[in-house]
Each structure stands twice: as structure tokens, then as C-alpha cells.
N, C-alpha and C. Protein backbone atom coordinates (compact mmCIF):
# COMPACT_ATOMS: atom_id res chain seq x y z
N UNK A 1 -44.15 39.32 19.42
CA UNK A 1 -44.89 38.45 20.33
C UNK A 1 -46.37 38.83 20.36
N UNK A 2 -46.66 40.11 20.16
CA UNK A 2 -48.07 40.53 20.13
C UNK A 2 -48.75 40.10 18.84
N UNK A 3 -47.99 40.06 17.75
CA UNK A 3 -48.57 39.70 16.45
C UNK A 3 -48.85 38.21 16.37
N UNK A 4 -47.94 37.41 16.92
CA UNK A 4 -48.09 35.95 16.85
C UNK A 4 -48.26 35.40 18.26
N UNK A 5 -49.49 35.26 18.68
CA UNK A 5 -49.75 34.81 20.04
C UNK A 5 -49.39 33.34 20.21
N UNK A 6 -49.15 32.96 21.44
CA UNK A 6 -48.87 31.57 21.73
C UNK A 6 -50.09 30.74 21.36
N UNK A 7 -49.93 29.45 20.99
CA UNK A 7 -48.73 28.64 21.23
C UNK A 7 -47.68 28.65 20.11
N UNK A 8 -47.80 29.51 19.12
CA UNK A 8 -46.90 29.43 17.98
C UNK A 8 -45.89 30.59 17.92
N UNK A 9 -45.69 31.29 19.01
CA UNK A 9 -44.80 32.45 19.00
C UNK A 9 -43.40 32.12 18.52
N UNK A 10 -42.81 31.08 19.08
CA UNK A 10 -41.42 30.74 18.76
C UNK A 10 -41.30 30.28 17.30
N UNK A 11 -42.23 29.45 16.86
CA UNK A 11 -42.19 28.97 15.47
C UNK A 11 -42.26 30.14 14.49
N UNK A 12 -43.12 31.10 14.77
CA UNK A 12 -43.25 32.26 13.88
C UNK A 12 -41.97 33.10 13.92
N UNK A 13 -41.41 33.29 15.10
CA UNK A 13 -40.21 34.11 15.23
C UNK A 13 -39.04 33.52 14.45
N UNK A 14 -38.93 32.20 14.43
CA UNK A 14 -37.82 31.53 13.75
C UNK A 14 -37.84 31.73 12.24
N UNK A 15 -38.98 32.14 11.71
CA UNK A 15 -39.08 32.36 10.27
C UNK A 15 -38.26 33.57 9.81
N UNK A 16 -37.92 34.45 10.76
CA UNK A 16 -37.27 35.70 10.40
C UNK A 16 -35.77 35.68 10.75
N UNK A 17 -34.91 36.14 9.84
CA UNK A 17 -33.47 36.24 10.14
C UNK A 17 -33.19 37.14 11.34
N UNK A 18 -34.13 38.03 11.66
CA UNK A 18 -33.98 38.90 12.83
C UNK A 18 -33.90 38.09 14.13
N UNK A 19 -34.37 36.86 14.08
CA UNK A 19 -34.38 36.01 15.28
C UNK A 19 -32.99 35.43 15.50
N UNK A 20 -32.11 36.24 16.02
CA UNK A 20 -30.74 35.84 16.34
C UNK A 20 -30.74 35.04 17.65
N UNK A 21 -29.62 34.43 18.02
CA UNK A 21 -29.58 33.71 19.30
C UNK A 21 -30.00 34.58 20.49
N UNK A 22 -29.57 35.85 20.50
CA UNK A 22 -29.93 36.73 21.61
C UNK A 22 -31.42 37.01 21.63
N UNK A 23 -32.00 37.31 20.47
CA UNK A 23 -33.44 37.56 20.38
C UNK A 23 -34.22 36.32 20.79
N UNK A 24 -33.79 35.17 20.30
CA UNK A 24 -34.48 33.92 20.64
C UNK A 24 -34.43 33.66 22.13
N UNK A 25 -33.29 33.92 22.77
CA UNK A 25 -33.16 33.70 24.21
C UNK A 25 -34.16 34.56 24.98
N UNK A 26 -34.32 35.81 24.54
CA UNK A 26 -35.27 36.70 25.20
C UNK A 26 -36.71 36.22 25.02
N UNK A 27 -37.02 35.75 23.82
CA UNK A 27 -38.36 35.24 23.56
C UNK A 27 -38.65 34.00 24.41
N UNK A 28 -37.66 33.14 24.52
CA UNK A 28 -37.86 31.91 25.30
C UNK A 28 -38.06 32.21 26.78
N UNK A 29 -37.37 33.25 27.27
CA UNK A 29 -37.52 33.63 28.68
C UNK A 29 -38.93 34.12 28.97
N UNK A 30 -39.58 34.71 27.96
CA UNK A 30 -40.89 35.31 28.15
C UNK A 30 -42.03 34.39 27.72
N UNK A 31 -41.69 33.22 27.23
CA UNK A 31 -42.72 32.29 26.76
C UNK A 31 -43.30 31.50 27.91
N UNK A 32 -44.56 31.22 27.81
CA UNK A 32 -45.24 30.39 28.80
C UNK A 32 -45.16 28.94 28.32
N UNK A 33 -44.36 28.10 28.97
CA UNK A 33 -44.20 26.72 28.48
C UNK A 33 -45.49 25.92 28.40
N UNK A 34 -46.45 26.24 29.26
CA UNK A 34 -47.71 25.50 29.24
C UNK A 34 -48.57 25.88 28.04
N UNK A 35 -48.20 27.01 27.38
CA UNK A 35 -48.98 27.47 26.22
C UNK A 35 -48.15 27.48 24.95
N UNK A 36 -47.09 26.69 24.95
CA UNK A 36 -46.18 26.66 23.80
C UNK A 36 -46.08 25.25 23.24
N UNK A 37 -46.36 25.09 21.97
CA UNK A 37 -46.20 23.78 21.33
C UNK A 37 -44.74 23.64 20.91
N UNK A 38 -44.26 22.41 20.64
CA UNK A 38 -42.88 22.26 20.17
C UNK A 38 -42.65 23.12 18.93
N UNK A 39 -41.63 23.97 18.92
CA UNK A 39 -41.39 24.85 17.77
C UNK A 39 -41.09 24.05 16.50
N UNK A 40 -41.45 24.62 15.38
CA UNK A 40 -41.13 24.03 14.08
C UNK A 40 -39.87 24.69 13.53
N UNK A 41 -38.92 23.89 13.09
CA UNK A 41 -37.70 24.45 12.50
C UNK A 41 -38.03 24.92 11.08
N UNK A 42 -37.69 26.14 10.74
CA UNK A 42 -38.03 26.67 9.41
C UNK A 42 -37.14 26.11 8.31
N UNK A 43 -37.66 26.05 7.12
CA UNK A 43 -36.89 25.56 5.97
C UNK A 43 -35.65 26.41 5.72
N UNK A 44 -35.71 27.70 6.05
CA UNK A 44 -34.59 28.58 5.75
C UNK A 44 -33.30 28.15 6.45
N UNK A 45 -33.43 27.39 7.54
CA UNK A 45 -32.24 26.92 8.25
C UNK A 45 -31.40 25.98 7.38
N UNK A 46 -32.07 25.20 6.52
CA UNK A 46 -31.39 24.10 5.86
C UNK A 46 -31.30 24.19 4.34
N UNK A 47 -32.21 24.90 3.72
CA UNK A 47 -32.17 25.00 2.26
C UNK A 47 -30.99 25.84 1.80
N UNK A 48 -30.43 25.46 0.68
CA UNK A 48 -29.29 26.18 0.08
C UNK A 48 -28.07 26.23 0.99
N UNK A 49 -27.94 25.27 1.87
CA UNK A 49 -26.78 25.25 2.78
C UNK A 49 -25.47 25.21 2.01
N UNK A 50 -25.44 24.40 0.96
CA UNK A 50 -24.20 24.25 0.20
C UNK A 50 -23.74 25.59 -0.38
N UNK A 51 -24.71 26.40 -0.83
CA UNK A 51 -24.38 27.71 -1.40
C UNK A 51 -23.99 28.72 -0.34
N UNK A 52 -24.35 28.44 0.91
CA UNK A 52 -24.05 29.37 2.01
C UNK A 52 -22.75 29.04 2.73
N UNK A 53 -22.03 28.05 2.24
CA UNK A 53 -20.79 27.65 2.89
C UNK A 53 -19.80 28.82 2.93
N UNK A 54 -19.27 29.18 4.10
CA UNK A 54 -18.31 30.28 4.20
C UNK A 54 -17.03 29.96 3.43
N UNK A 55 -16.37 30.99 2.94
CA UNK A 55 -15.14 30.79 2.18
C UNK A 55 -14.06 30.11 3.02
N UNK A 56 -14.14 30.29 4.33
CA UNK A 56 -13.16 29.68 5.23
C UNK A 56 -13.60 28.30 5.71
N UNK A 57 -14.77 27.85 5.25
CA UNK A 57 -15.28 26.53 5.64
C UNK A 57 -16.21 26.61 6.85
N UNK A 58 -16.92 25.52 7.08
CA UNK A 58 -17.85 25.47 8.20
C UNK A 58 -17.12 25.45 9.53
N UNK A 59 -17.74 26.05 10.54
CA UNK A 59 -17.21 26.00 11.91
C UNK A 59 -18.34 25.63 12.86
N UNK A 60 -18.01 25.50 14.14
CA UNK A 60 -19.02 25.20 15.16
C UNK A 60 -20.00 26.35 15.36
N UNK A 61 -19.65 27.54 14.84
CA UNK A 61 -20.52 28.71 15.01
C UNK A 61 -21.17 29.17 13.72
N UNK A 62 -21.10 28.34 12.68
CA UNK A 62 -21.74 28.69 11.41
C UNK A 62 -23.26 28.58 11.54
N UNK A 63 -23.95 29.49 10.87
CA UNK A 63 -25.41 29.48 10.84
C UNK A 63 -25.90 28.17 10.20
N UNK A 64 -26.92 27.49 10.76
CA UNK A 64 -27.82 27.91 11.84
C UNK A 64 -27.48 27.34 13.21
N UNK A 65 -26.28 26.86 13.44
CA UNK A 65 -25.96 26.18 14.70
C UNK A 65 -26.17 27.04 15.95
N UNK A 66 -25.75 28.31 15.97
CA UNK A 66 -25.96 29.10 17.20
C UNK A 66 -27.43 29.18 17.63
N UNK A 67 -28.33 29.38 16.68
CA UNK A 67 -29.75 29.46 17.01
C UNK A 67 -30.27 28.09 17.46
N UNK A 68 -29.84 27.05 16.78
CA UNK A 68 -30.29 25.70 17.14
C UNK A 68 -29.84 25.33 18.56
N UNK A 69 -28.64 25.72 18.94
CA UNK A 69 -28.16 25.40 20.29
C UNK A 69 -29.03 26.06 21.34
N UNK A 70 -29.40 27.31 21.12
CA UNK A 70 -30.27 28.00 22.08
C UNK A 70 -31.62 27.30 22.14
N UNK A 71 -32.16 26.95 21.00
CA UNK A 71 -33.49 26.36 20.92
C UNK A 71 -33.55 25.00 21.60
N UNK A 72 -32.56 24.15 21.33
CA UNK A 72 -32.59 22.79 21.86
C UNK A 72 -32.14 22.70 23.31
N UNK A 73 -31.52 23.76 23.81
CA UNK A 73 -31.04 23.71 25.20
C UNK A 73 -32.01 24.36 26.18
N UNK A 74 -33.10 24.92 25.67
CA UNK A 74 -34.06 25.59 26.56
C UNK A 74 -34.91 24.56 27.30
N UNK A 75 -34.87 24.54 28.62
CA UNK A 75 -35.65 23.54 29.38
C UNK A 75 -37.13 23.92 29.52
N UNK A 76 -37.49 25.12 29.08
CA UNK A 76 -38.86 25.61 29.30
C UNK A 76 -39.86 25.09 28.27
N UNK A 77 -39.37 24.63 27.13
CA UNK A 77 -40.29 24.20 26.06
C UNK A 77 -39.89 22.83 25.54
N UNK A 78 -40.83 22.18 24.88
CA UNK A 78 -40.55 20.88 24.26
C UNK A 78 -39.59 21.06 23.09
N UNK A 79 -38.75 20.06 22.85
CA UNK A 79 -37.75 20.16 21.79
C UNK A 79 -38.39 20.00 20.41
N UNK A 80 -37.85 20.70 19.41
CA UNK A 80 -38.35 20.55 18.03
C UNK A 80 -38.01 19.16 17.48
N UNK A 81 -38.61 18.85 16.34
CA UNK A 81 -38.32 17.61 15.64
C UNK A 81 -37.12 17.83 14.72
N UNK A 82 -36.02 17.14 15.01
CA UNK A 82 -34.79 17.33 14.23
C UNK A 82 -34.85 16.66 12.86
N UNK A 83 -35.95 15.97 12.56
CA UNK A 83 -36.07 15.26 11.28
C UNK A 83 -36.81 16.07 10.21
N UNK A 84 -37.24 17.27 10.53
CA UNK A 84 -38.08 18.01 9.58
C UNK A 84 -37.31 18.49 8.36
N UNK A 85 -38.04 18.65 7.26
CA UNK A 85 -37.52 19.26 6.03
C UNK A 85 -36.24 18.59 5.52
N UNK A 86 -36.04 17.32 5.81
CA UNK A 86 -34.84 16.63 5.36
C UNK A 86 -33.58 17.36 5.82
N UNK A 87 -33.63 17.90 7.04
CA UNK A 87 -32.52 18.71 7.56
C UNK A 87 -31.20 17.95 7.50
N UNK A 88 -31.21 16.68 7.91
CA UNK A 88 -29.98 15.90 7.93
C UNK A 88 -29.41 15.72 6.53
N UNK A 89 -30.28 15.47 5.55
CA UNK A 89 -29.83 15.30 4.17
C UNK A 89 -29.17 16.57 3.64
N UNK A 90 -29.76 17.72 3.96
CA UNK A 90 -29.17 18.99 3.52
C UNK A 90 -27.81 19.22 4.18
N UNK A 91 -27.71 18.88 5.46
CA UNK A 91 -26.44 19.06 6.17
C UNK A 91 -25.35 18.17 5.57
N UNK A 92 -25.73 16.94 5.19
CA UNK A 92 -24.77 16.02 4.58
C UNK A 92 -24.35 16.53 3.20
N UNK A 93 -25.32 16.97 2.41
CA UNK A 93 -25.01 17.46 1.06
C UNK A 93 -24.07 18.66 1.10
N UNK A 94 -24.18 19.46 2.18
CA UNK A 94 -23.32 20.63 2.33
C UNK A 94 -21.99 20.28 3.00
N UNK A 95 -21.81 19.00 3.38
CA UNK A 95 -20.58 18.55 4.06
C UNK A 95 -20.35 19.36 5.34
N UNK A 96 -21.44 19.62 6.06
CA UNK A 96 -21.43 20.43 7.28
C UNK A 96 -21.37 19.48 8.47
N UNK A 97 -20.16 19.02 8.80
CA UNK A 97 -19.97 18.00 9.83
C UNK A 97 -20.63 18.37 11.16
N UNK A 98 -20.37 19.60 11.63
CA UNK A 98 -20.86 19.99 12.95
C UNK A 98 -22.39 19.97 13.01
N UNK A 99 -23.03 20.36 11.93
CA UNK A 99 -24.50 20.33 11.90
C UNK A 99 -25.01 18.90 11.84
N UNK A 100 -24.33 18.05 11.08
CA UNK A 100 -24.71 16.63 11.03
C UNK A 100 -24.65 16.02 12.42
N UNK A 101 -23.55 16.26 13.13
CA UNK A 101 -23.38 15.71 14.48
C UNK A 101 -24.45 16.27 15.42
N UNK A 102 -24.72 17.56 15.32
CA UNK A 102 -25.73 18.19 16.18
C UNK A 102 -27.10 17.56 15.95
N UNK A 103 -27.50 17.44 14.71
CA UNK A 103 -28.83 16.88 14.41
C UNK A 103 -28.95 15.43 14.87
N UNK A 104 -27.90 14.65 14.65
CA UNK A 104 -27.92 13.25 15.09
C UNK A 104 -28.06 13.15 16.61
N UNK A 105 -27.34 14.02 17.32
CA UNK A 105 -27.38 13.97 18.79
C UNK A 105 -28.72 14.44 19.35
N UNK A 106 -29.53 15.08 18.50
CA UNK A 106 -30.84 15.54 18.96
C UNK A 106 -32.00 14.82 18.27
N UNK A 107 -31.73 13.62 17.82
CA UNK A 107 -32.82 12.75 17.37
C UNK A 107 -33.00 12.58 15.88
N UNK A 108 -32.18 13.24 15.05
CA UNK A 108 -32.31 13.02 13.60
C UNK A 108 -31.97 11.57 13.28
N UNK A 109 -32.75 10.97 12.41
CA UNK A 109 -32.61 9.54 12.11
C UNK A 109 -32.15 9.36 10.66
N UNK A 110 -30.92 8.87 10.44
CA UNK A 110 -30.42 8.68 9.07
C UNK A 110 -31.18 7.63 8.28
N UNK A 111 -32.05 6.86 8.95
CA UNK A 111 -32.83 5.84 8.24
C UNK A 111 -34.07 6.43 7.59
N UNK A 112 -34.41 7.68 7.93
CA UNK A 112 -35.59 8.31 7.34
C UNK A 112 -35.45 8.46 5.83
N UNK A 113 -36.58 8.48 5.16
CA UNK A 113 -36.63 8.67 3.70
C UNK A 113 -35.74 7.67 2.99
N UNK A 114 -35.83 6.41 3.42
CA UNK A 114 -35.05 5.31 2.80
C UNK A 114 -33.56 5.57 2.85
N UNK A 115 -33.11 6.20 3.92
CA UNK A 115 -31.67 6.42 4.08
C UNK A 115 -31.11 7.46 3.14
N UNK A 116 -31.91 8.48 2.85
CA UNK A 116 -31.51 9.49 1.87
C UNK A 116 -30.17 10.15 2.25
N UNK A 117 -30.02 10.48 3.51
CA UNK A 117 -28.78 11.15 3.94
C UNK A 117 -27.56 10.28 3.67
N UNK A 118 -27.70 8.97 3.91
CA UNK A 118 -26.58 8.06 3.67
C UNK A 118 -26.31 7.94 2.17
N UNK A 119 -27.36 7.92 1.37
CA UNK A 119 -27.18 7.84 -0.08
C UNK A 119 -26.42 9.07 -0.60
N UNK A 120 -26.71 10.22 -0.02
CA UNK A 120 -26.00 11.44 -0.43
C UNK A 120 -24.53 11.35 -0.05
N UNK A 121 -24.26 10.85 1.14
CA UNK A 121 -22.86 10.69 1.58
C UNK A 121 -22.12 9.71 0.68
N UNK A 122 -22.81 8.66 0.24
CA UNK A 122 -22.20 7.69 -0.67
C UNK A 122 -21.88 8.35 -2.00
N UNK A 123 -22.82 9.15 -2.51
CA UNK A 123 -22.60 9.84 -3.79
C UNK A 123 -21.41 10.79 -3.71
N UNK A 124 -21.15 11.32 -2.53
CA UNK A 124 -20.00 12.19 -2.33
C UNK A 124 -18.71 11.40 -2.09
N UNK A 125 -18.86 10.07 -2.01
CA UNK A 125 -17.73 9.18 -1.71
C UNK A 125 -17.02 9.63 -0.44
N UNK A 126 -17.82 9.99 0.57
CA UNK A 126 -17.27 10.50 1.82
C UNK A 126 -17.40 9.46 2.93
N UNK A 127 -16.31 8.79 3.22
CA UNK A 127 -16.30 7.83 4.32
C UNK A 127 -16.57 8.55 5.64
N UNK A 128 -16.04 9.75 5.75
CA UNK A 128 -16.23 10.55 6.97
C UNK A 128 -17.72 10.73 7.28
N UNK A 129 -18.49 11.14 6.28
CA UNK A 129 -19.91 11.37 6.50
C UNK A 129 -20.68 10.07 6.69
N UNK A 130 -20.35 9.05 5.92
CA UNK A 130 -21.00 7.75 6.07
C UNK A 130 -20.76 7.21 7.47
N UNK A 131 -19.55 7.36 7.96
CA UNK A 131 -19.23 6.88 9.31
C UNK A 131 -20.01 7.65 10.37
N UNK A 132 -20.11 8.98 10.19
CA UNK A 132 -20.88 9.80 11.13
C UNK A 132 -22.33 9.33 11.21
N UNK A 133 -22.89 8.99 10.05
CA UNK A 133 -24.30 8.60 9.99
C UNK A 133 -24.54 7.20 10.52
N UNK A 134 -23.63 6.30 10.24
CA UNK A 134 -23.84 4.89 10.57
C UNK A 134 -23.36 4.51 11.97
N UNK A 135 -22.31 5.14 12.44
CA UNK A 135 -21.74 4.77 13.73
C UNK A 135 -22.08 5.79 14.80
N UNK A 136 -22.09 5.34 16.04
CA UNK A 136 -22.35 6.25 17.14
C UNK A 136 -21.03 6.83 17.64
N UNK A 137 -21.07 8.13 17.97
CA UNK A 137 -19.91 8.81 18.50
C UNK A 137 -19.99 8.84 20.02
N UNK A 138 -18.90 9.26 20.64
CA UNK A 138 -18.88 9.36 22.09
C UNK A 138 -19.41 10.71 22.55
N UNK A 139 -20.64 11.05 22.10
CA UNK A 139 -21.25 12.28 22.58
C UNK A 139 -22.03 11.96 23.86
N UNK A 140 -22.43 12.98 24.62
CA UNK A 140 -23.07 12.73 25.92
C UNK A 140 -24.27 11.81 25.87
N UNK A 141 -25.02 11.84 24.77
CA UNK A 141 -26.22 11.01 24.70
C UNK A 141 -25.91 9.58 24.28
N UNK A 142 -24.68 9.34 23.85
CA UNK A 142 -24.31 8.00 23.40
C UNK A 142 -23.28 7.34 24.30
N UNK A 143 -23.08 7.92 25.50
CA UNK A 143 -22.06 7.37 26.38
C UNK A 143 -22.45 5.97 26.82
N UNK A 144 -21.58 4.98 26.60
CA UNK A 144 -21.87 3.62 27.05
C UNK A 144 -21.57 3.47 28.53
N UNK A 145 -22.15 2.48 29.15
CA UNK A 145 -21.81 2.21 30.53
C UNK A 145 -20.47 1.49 30.57
N UNK A 146 -19.81 1.52 31.70
CA UNK A 146 -18.52 0.87 31.81
C UNK A 146 -18.69 -0.59 32.23
N UNK A 147 -17.85 -1.43 31.68
CA UNK A 147 -17.90 -2.85 31.97
C UNK A 147 -16.57 -3.25 32.59
N UNK A 148 -16.63 -3.85 33.77
CA UNK A 148 -15.38 -4.25 34.41
C UNK A 148 -14.60 -3.02 34.86
N UNK A 149 -13.30 -3.08 34.75
CA UNK A 149 -12.44 -1.99 35.20
C UNK A 149 -12.06 -1.10 34.02
N UNK A 150 -12.86 -0.07 33.82
CA UNK A 150 -12.52 0.92 32.81
C UNK A 150 -12.75 0.50 31.38
N UNK A 151 -13.40 -0.63 31.15
CA UNK A 151 -13.64 -1.09 29.79
C UNK A 151 -15.01 -0.64 29.33
N UNK A 152 -15.06 0.03 28.18
CA UNK A 152 -16.34 0.50 27.66
C UNK A 152 -17.03 -0.58 26.85
N UNK A 153 -18.34 -0.69 27.04
CA UNK A 153 -19.12 -1.57 26.19
C UNK A 153 -19.21 -0.94 24.80
N UNK A 154 -19.01 -1.72 23.75
CA UNK A 154 -19.00 -1.20 22.39
C UNK A 154 -20.37 -0.64 22.03
N UNK A 155 -20.39 0.55 21.47
CA UNK A 155 -21.64 1.17 21.05
C UNK A 155 -22.16 0.50 19.78
N UNK A 156 -23.46 0.23 19.76
CA UNK A 156 -24.05 -0.33 18.55
C UNK A 156 -24.18 0.75 17.49
N UNK A 157 -23.96 0.37 16.24
CA UNK A 157 -24.09 1.32 15.15
C UNK A 157 -25.55 1.76 15.01
N UNK A 158 -25.74 2.99 14.50
CA UNK A 158 -27.10 3.46 14.22
C UNK A 158 -27.72 2.63 13.10
N UNK A 159 -26.89 2.29 12.11
CA UNK A 159 -27.36 1.53 10.96
C UNK A 159 -26.63 0.20 10.92
N UNK A 160 -27.38 -0.89 10.96
CA UNK A 160 -26.77 -2.22 10.86
C UNK A 160 -26.63 -2.55 9.38
N UNK A 161 -25.50 -2.17 8.80
CA UNK A 161 -25.31 -2.35 7.36
C UNK A 161 -25.19 -3.81 6.96
N UNK A 162 -24.93 -4.69 7.91
CA UNK A 162 -24.78 -6.11 7.57
C UNK A 162 -26.11 -6.73 7.19
N UNK A 163 -27.22 -6.11 7.57
CA UNK A 163 -28.55 -6.66 7.28
C UNK A 163 -29.10 -6.21 5.93
N UNK A 164 -28.43 -5.26 5.31
CA UNK A 164 -28.92 -4.74 4.04
C UNK A 164 -27.73 -4.33 3.18
N UNK A 165 -27.56 -5.00 2.05
CA UNK A 165 -26.42 -4.71 1.18
C UNK A 165 -26.71 -3.56 0.22
N UNK A 166 -27.88 -2.91 0.40
CA UNK A 166 -28.28 -1.85 -0.52
C UNK A 166 -27.29 -0.70 -0.59
N UNK A 167 -26.76 -0.30 0.54
CA UNK A 167 -25.82 0.82 0.55
C UNK A 167 -24.50 0.43 -0.12
N UNK A 168 -24.07 -0.80 0.07
CA UNK A 168 -22.86 -1.28 -0.61
C UNK A 168 -23.10 -1.30 -2.12
N UNK A 169 -24.29 -1.74 -2.53
CA UNK A 169 -24.63 -1.76 -3.96
C UNK A 169 -24.60 -0.34 -4.53
N UNK A 170 -25.16 0.61 -3.79
CA UNK A 170 -25.13 2.01 -4.24
C UNK A 170 -23.70 2.48 -4.44
N UNK A 171 -22.84 2.16 -3.49
CA UNK A 171 -21.45 2.59 -3.58
C UNK A 171 -20.77 1.98 -4.80
N UNK A 172 -21.07 0.70 -5.06
CA UNK A 172 -20.48 0.03 -6.21
C UNK A 172 -21.00 0.63 -7.52
N UNK A 173 -22.30 0.91 -7.57
CA UNK A 173 -22.88 1.49 -8.79
C UNK A 173 -22.33 2.88 -9.08
N UNK A 174 -22.06 3.63 -8.03
CA UNK A 174 -21.55 4.99 -8.19
C UNK A 174 -20.02 5.04 -8.25
N UNK A 175 -19.41 3.86 -8.16
CA UNK A 175 -17.95 3.75 -8.16
C UNK A 175 -17.31 4.57 -7.05
N UNK A 176 -18.01 4.59 -5.91
CA UNK A 176 -17.49 5.28 -4.73
C UNK A 176 -16.59 4.31 -3.98
N UNK A 177 -15.37 4.21 -4.44
CA UNK A 177 -14.46 3.16 -3.98
C UNK A 177 -14.20 3.22 -2.47
N UNK A 178 -13.94 4.43 -1.96
CA UNK A 178 -13.62 4.55 -0.54
C UNK A 178 -14.77 4.08 0.34
N UNK A 179 -15.97 4.46 -0.03
CA UNK A 179 -17.15 4.05 0.74
C UNK A 179 -17.39 2.55 0.61
N UNK A 180 -17.19 2.03 -0.60
CA UNK A 180 -17.36 0.58 -0.80
C UNK A 180 -16.39 -0.19 0.09
N UNK A 181 -15.17 0.28 0.18
CA UNK A 181 -14.18 -0.38 1.04
C UNK A 181 -14.60 -0.31 2.51
N UNK A 182 -15.21 0.82 2.89
CA UNK A 182 -15.69 0.95 4.27
C UNK A 182 -16.76 -0.08 4.56
N UNK A 183 -17.75 -0.21 3.68
CA UNK A 183 -18.83 -1.18 3.91
C UNK A 183 -18.29 -2.61 3.90
N UNK A 184 -17.32 -2.88 3.06
CA UNK A 184 -16.72 -4.22 3.06
C UNK A 184 -16.02 -4.50 4.39
N UNK A 185 -15.40 -3.45 4.95
CA UNK A 185 -14.74 -3.62 6.24
C UNK A 185 -15.75 -3.89 7.36
N UNK A 186 -17.01 -3.48 7.12
CA UNK A 186 -18.08 -3.74 8.08
C UNK A 186 -18.71 -5.12 7.86
N UNK A 187 -18.13 -5.89 6.93
CA UNK A 187 -18.58 -7.26 6.64
C UNK A 187 -19.99 -7.30 6.08
N UNK A 188 -20.29 -6.36 5.21
CA UNK A 188 -21.57 -6.37 4.52
C UNK A 188 -21.55 -7.48 3.46
N UNK A 189 -22.59 -8.29 3.43
CA UNK A 189 -22.68 -9.38 2.46
C UNK A 189 -23.21 -8.84 1.14
N UNK A 190 -22.47 -9.04 0.07
CA UNK A 190 -22.86 -8.52 -1.24
C UNK A 190 -23.58 -9.59 -2.06
N UNK A 191 -24.58 -9.16 -2.84
CA UNK A 191 -25.24 -10.09 -3.75
C UNK A 191 -24.39 -10.23 -5.02
N UNK A 192 -24.80 -11.10 -5.93
CA UNK A 192 -23.99 -11.39 -7.11
C UNK A 192 -23.77 -10.16 -7.97
N UNK A 193 -24.83 -9.36 -8.17
CA UNK A 193 -24.70 -8.15 -8.99
C UNK A 193 -23.67 -7.19 -8.39
N UNK A 194 -23.75 -7.03 -7.07
CA UNK A 194 -22.81 -6.13 -6.40
C UNK A 194 -21.39 -6.66 -6.47
N UNK A 195 -21.25 -7.98 -6.34
CA UNK A 195 -19.91 -8.58 -6.44
C UNK A 195 -19.29 -8.32 -7.81
N UNK A 196 -20.12 -8.37 -8.83
CA UNK A 196 -19.61 -8.12 -10.20
C UNK A 196 -19.16 -6.67 -10.34
N UNK A 197 -19.93 -5.76 -9.77
CA UNK A 197 -19.55 -4.34 -9.81
C UNK A 197 -18.28 -4.09 -9.02
N UNK A 198 -18.17 -4.75 -7.87
CA UNK A 198 -16.97 -4.59 -7.03
C UNK A 198 -15.74 -5.15 -7.75
N UNK A 199 -15.94 -6.27 -8.45
CA UNK A 199 -14.82 -6.89 -9.17
C UNK A 199 -14.25 -5.94 -10.23
N UNK A 200 -15.16 -5.19 -10.89
CA UNK A 200 -14.71 -4.22 -11.89
C UNK A 200 -13.88 -3.10 -11.27
N UNK A 201 -14.11 -2.88 -9.95
CA UNK A 201 -13.36 -1.84 -9.25
C UNK A 201 -12.11 -2.40 -8.57
N UNK A 202 -11.92 -3.73 -8.74
CA UNK A 202 -10.79 -4.36 -8.09
C UNK A 202 -11.01 -4.63 -6.63
N UNK A 203 -12.28 -4.74 -6.23
CA UNK A 203 -12.63 -5.00 -4.83
C UNK A 203 -13.42 -6.29 -4.74
N UNK A 204 -13.68 -6.69 -3.51
CA UNK A 204 -14.50 -7.88 -3.32
C UNK A 204 -13.70 -9.09 -2.91
């Protein structure tokens, strides 16, 4: 804290693996919120995620989630930008469901960079990931209001795939059959080229 004076203390601390959740909590307690800019998430959180996958698979406590939870839950400072360094795209490429959900719930936008995160999910032929990116879940920030007696108003999708057949075309070009079927179920209108590709896959 003496080496890196505010307003960038937290951003500098996050650069080091030594900044564990406990260390970060102590730093946040001692930070002056009026002299602290929104922290920057370091690249080390997201780069090479796929290579860092635990042998037992990702969990809710896999790195970098514990540190991110402390950082985003601190009421003393402004929240970081969850869209930095293509964080969402890296999380999708690593098939890190919990991190994808966390980033989305804290403002990550799958439409950024021409929908790069969705394109990666399509290339993986992962309906699970495409659905996470395109549809809203029942997380606290997406809770709909109730209509009538106990009836929930339907949540609008994050991505209106019916207005752009580009993702369906990508799925057809990559022969990602499962994802193509998902987009068709969403009533995406296909152009002639896409219809021809789908026909070769026995779809359409």
C-alpha cells in the first residue's frame, strides 16, 4: 500500500498472485473510497484459463472466482468493468460455467466484440454455453416481477437471435448441429445460403 498510493492501490495489488481473497479484503477495508478509482481486472485472471482447468473440473471456488467475489461485493469502492480483456470470451473458451455466469451477472455483455463469446460457444458446439450467453437466468439481478397470482413475466433474452441470422449461419458453417438446432428452435430466420448449409446437415 505504501508503494502504490491511491487511487490505484487495489488495481496494483490485483496484479500479484499474493493478493488472495483474505489479503484483498484487508486492503479494501483500509482503502479510502473517495480516493479509489474503479479497480482494473488484471489479464492474469483470464488468460490461459483453459490450460489452468483443474483435473477435477471447474467449481464455484476455482480461481479467479474467490477474488472476484470479494472485489465485486465490496460496497466501499466502485465496481470494476466486467468486459475488460475479453474476460467473457476466455471464460467461454475454457468452458468455465460458473465464471461465465458470474461475469454476466456483473455486467459482461456477450454482444461485445461482434459477439465473440457466442461465436466461441458455437465453435464448441455447446448449447449449454450458447444458452447461458443468450438467455437470462433467474439470478438476483434478473428476477422478473410477478404478474397476477404467482405468474412470472417471461425474461427477455440478452440476445435477440431472431433479428440476426448470423449466429445460425456460423453454426451451419461449422457444422455445429446441436447449436443450429437450438437457434432453429428460437425461430431464427435463415437466408438462402444458410438454408442450403442446413439442408446438407439434414436440418431446416
